[in-house]
C-alpha atoms as a PDB file:
ATOM      1  CA  UNK A   1      13.715  21.734  18.884  1.00  0.00           C
ATOM      2  CA  UNK A   2      16.082  21.992  21.810  1.00  0.00           C
ATOM      3  CA  UNK A   3      19.817  21.656  21.332  1.00  0.00           C
ATOM      4  CA  UNK A   4      21.907  21.953  24.457  1.00  0.00           C
ATOM      5  CA  UNK A   5      24.870  20.588  26.302  1.00  0.00           C
ATOM      6  CA  UNK A   6      24.299  18.875  29.625  1.00  0.00           C
ATOM      7  CA  UNK A   7      25.078  20.648  32.900  1.00  0.00           C
ATOM      8  CA  UNK A   8      28.490  19.950  34.398  1.00  0.00           C
ATOM      9  CA  UNK A   9      29.060  18.386  37.794  1.00  0.00           C
ATOM     10  CA  UNK A  10      30.600  20.239  40.725  1.00  0.00           C
ATOM     11  CA  UNK A  11      34.132  20.071  39.321  1.00  0.00           C
ATOM     12  CA  UNK A  12      33.416  19.889  35.605  1.00  0.00           C
ATOM     13  CA  UNK A  13      32.850  22.134  32.631  1.00  0.00           C
ATOM     14  CA  UNK A  14      29.620  22.164  30.666  1.00  0.00           C
ATOM     15  CA  UNK A  15      29.797  21.309  26.998  1.00  0.00           C
ATOM     16  CA  UNK A  16      30.264  23.562  23.993  1.00  0.00           C
ATOM     17  CA  UNK A  17      27.932  23.914  21.026  1.00  0.00           C
ATOM     18  CA  UNK A  18      29.335  24.807  17.614  1.00  0.00           C
ATOM     19  CA  UNK A  19      27.198  25.720  14.640  1.00  0.00           C
ATOM     20  CA  UNK A  20      29.336  26.465  11.627  1.00  0.00           C
ATOM     21  CA  UNK A  21      29.135  26.581   7.870  1.00  0.00           C
ATOM     22  CA  UNK A  22      31.942  25.027   5.893  1.00  0.00           C
ATOM     23  CA  UNK A  23      34.846  26.838   4.325  1.00  0.00           C
ATOM     24  CA  UNK A  24      35.526  27.062   0.607  1.00  0.00           C
ATOM     25  CA  UNK A  25      38.769  27.189  -1.333  1.00  0.00           C
ATOM     26  CA  UNK A  26      37.115  28.252  -4.591  1.00  0.00           C
ATOM     27  CA  UNK A  27      33.866  30.163  -4.075  1.00  0.00           C
ATOM     28  CA  UNK A  28      31.661  31.499  -1.326  1.00  0.00           C
ATOM     29  CA  UNK A  29      31.477  29.765   2.032  1.00  0.00           C
ATOM     30  CA  UNK A  30      28.113  28.820   3.477  1.00  0.00           C
ATOM     31  CA  UNK A  31      25.760  30.969   5.528  1.00  0.00           C
ATOM     32  CA  UNK A  32      24.535  30.507   9.066  1.00  0.00           C
ATOM     33  CA  UNK A  33      21.028  31.825   9.623  1.00  0.00           C
ATOM     34  CA  UNK A  34      19.176  31.754  12.924  1.00  0.00           C
ATOM     35  CA  UNK A  35      15.787  33.357  13.151  1.00  0.00           C
ATOM     36  CA  UNK A  36      12.269  33.254  14.507  1.00  0.00           C
ATOM     37  CA  UNK A  37       9.048  33.097  12.574  1.00  0.00           C
ATOM     38  CA  UNK A  38       6.639  35.899  11.794  1.00  0.00           C
ATOM     39  CA  UNK A  39       3.178  36.052  13.353  1.00  0.00           C
ATOM     40  CA  UNK A  40       0.071  37.059  11.421  1.00  0.00           C
ATOM     41  CA  UNK A  41      -2.047  37.985  14.457  1.00  0.00           C
ATOM     42  CA  UNK A  42       0.241  37.756  17.515  1.00  0.00           C
ATOM     43  CA  UNK A  43       3.723  38.989  18.293  1.00  0.00           C
ATOM     44  CA  UNK A  44       6.736  37.987  16.252  1.00  0.00           C
ATOM     45  CA  UNK A  45       9.248  35.631  17.817  1.00  0.00           C
ATOM     46  CA  UNK A  46      12.054  36.687  20.135  1.00  0.00           C
ATOM     47  CA  UNK A  47      15.753  35.947  19.943  1.00  0.00           C
ATOM     48  CA  UNK A  48      17.973  36.155  22.993  1.00  0.00           C
ATOM     49  CA  UNK A  49      21.743  35.870  23.142  1.00  0.00           C
ATOM     50  CA  UNK A  50      22.892  35.450  26.698  1.00  0.00           C
ATOM     51  CA  UNK A  51      26.303  34.741  28.187  1.00  0.00           C
ATOM     52  CA  UNK A  52      26.842  33.060  31.541  1.00  0.00           C
ATOM     53  CA  UNK A  53      27.976  34.659  34.776  1.00  0.00           C
ATOM     54  CA  UNK A  54      31.159  33.692  36.608  1.00  0.00           C
ATOM     55  CA  UNK A  55      31.153  33.289  40.368  1.00  0.00           C
ATOM     56  CA  UNK A  56      34.864  32.558  40.803  1.00  0.00           C
ATOM     57  CA  UNK A  57      36.174  34.078  37.579  1.00  0.00           C
ATOM     58  CA  UNK A  58      35.222  36.585  34.920  1.00  0.00           C
ATOM     59  CA  UNK A  59      31.786  36.527  33.331  1.00  0.00           C
ATOM     60  CA  UNK A  60      31.495  35.217  29.796  1.00  0.00           C
ATOM     61  CA  UNK A  61      32.007  37.455  26.777  1.00  0.00           C
ATOM     62  CA  UNK A  62      29.758  38.134  23.815  1.00  0.00           C
ATOM     63  CA  UNK A  63      31.742  38.958  20.698  1.00  0.00           C
ATOM     64  CA  UNK A  64      30.824  39.663  17.131  1.00  0.00           C
ATOM     65  CA  UNK A  65      32.941  40.498  14.135  1.00  0.00           C
ATOM     66  CA  UNK A  66      32.471  40.827  10.425  1.00  0.00           C
ATOM     67  CA  UNK A  67      34.545  38.974   7.868  1.00  0.00           C
ATOM     68  CA  UNK A  68      37.948  40.072   6.590  1.00  0.00           C
ATOM     69  CA  UNK A  69      38.765  40.431   2.917  1.00  0.00           C
ATOM     70  CA  UNK A  70      42.220  40.490   1.385  1.00  0.00           C
ATOM     71  CA  UNK A  71      40.992  41.657  -2.037  1.00  0.00           C
ATOM     72  CA  UNK A  72      37.787  43.597  -1.406  1.00  0.00           C
ATOM     73  CA  UNK A  73      35.766  45.416   1.258  1.00  0.00           C
ATOM     74  CA  UNK A  74      35.501  43.698   4.628  1.00  0.00           C
ATOM     75  CA  UNK A  75      32.132  42.507   5.900  1.00  0.00           C
ATOM     76  CA  UNK A  76      29.646  44.846   7.539  1.00  0.00           C
ATOM     77  CA  UNK A  77      27.944  44.742  10.915  1.00  0.00           C
ATOM     78  CA  UNK A  78      24.361  45.946  10.886  1.00  0.00           C
ATOM     79  CA  UNK A  79      22.036  46.379  13.841  1.00  0.00           C
ATOM     80  CA  UNK A  80      18.506  47.579  13.169  1.00  0.00           C
ATOM     81  CA  UNK A  81      15.468  47.993  15.357  1.00  0.00           C
ATOM     82  CA  UNK A  82      12.077  46.719  14.285  1.00  0.00           C
ATOM     83  CA  UNK A  83       9.812  48.858  12.161  1.00  0.00           C
ATOM     84  CA  UNK A  84       6.558  50.073  13.673  1.00  0.00           C
ATOM     85  CA  UNK A  85       4.131  50.622  10.824  1.00  0.00           C
ATOM     86  CA  UNK A  86       1.463  52.202  13.057  1.00  0.00           C
ATOM     87  CA  UNK A  87       3.475  53.487  16.029  1.00  0.00           C
ATOM     88  CA  UNK A  88       7.145  53.874  16.919  1.00  0.00           C
ATOM     89  CA  UNK A  89      10.015  51.702  15.752  1.00  0.00           C
ATOM     90  CA  UNK A  90      11.922  49.668  18.340  1.00  0.00           C
ATOM     91  CA  UNK A  91      14.830  50.954  20.403  1.00  0.00           C
ATOM     92  CA  UNK A  92      18.510  50.090  20.158  1.00  0.00           C
ATOM     93  CA  UNK A  93      20.257  50.211  23.515  1.00  0.00           C
ATOM     94  CA  UNK A  94      24.007  49.726  23.958  1.00  0.00           C
ATOM     95  CA  UNK A  95      25.373  50.260  27.414  1.00  0.00           C
ATOM     96  CA  UNK A  96      28.212  49.451  29.719  1.00  0.00           C
ATOM     97  CA  UNK A  97      27.165  48.393  33.215  1.00  0.00           C
ATOM     98  CA  UNK A  98      28.596  50.036  36.337  1.00  0.00           C
ATOM     99  CA  UNK A  99      31.947  48.758  37.610  1.00  0.00           C
ATOM    100  CA  UNK A 100      32.708  47.541  41.115  1.00  0.00           C
ATOM    101  CA  UNK A 101      34.543  49.613  43.712  1.00  0.00           C
ATOM    102  CA  UNK A 102      37.983  48.654  42.389  1.00  0.00           C
ATOM    103  CA  UNK A 103      37.226  48.795  38.662  1.00  0.00           C
ATOM    104  CA  UNK A 104      36.433  51.079  35.752  1.00  0.00           C
ATOM    105  CA  UNK A 105      33.252  50.987  33.711  1.00  0.00           C
ATOM    106  CA  UNK A 106      33.764  49.992  30.072  1.00  0.00           C
END
């Protein structure tokens, strides 16, 4: 299944995709789950989050945040590498890329 917005023309803006669960006034709100399938013999699926470059403005941002609670503990953010049952587990790499001549690296 492919879901995408169409490319913009020379002076336009490409579309926006929104995937959202509903809100709730009396109970839990819905969940949004995106995943790939497991493989019995081959490699498991891959998931890639990528943000576009900007040629005449800033590059796009990738943001994540956990939920807020006014009466209990706020939501958690968890990042885990894959388990390697025979060899090593996967790596987690977080890095800030080098800045240009007039900037500061993040």
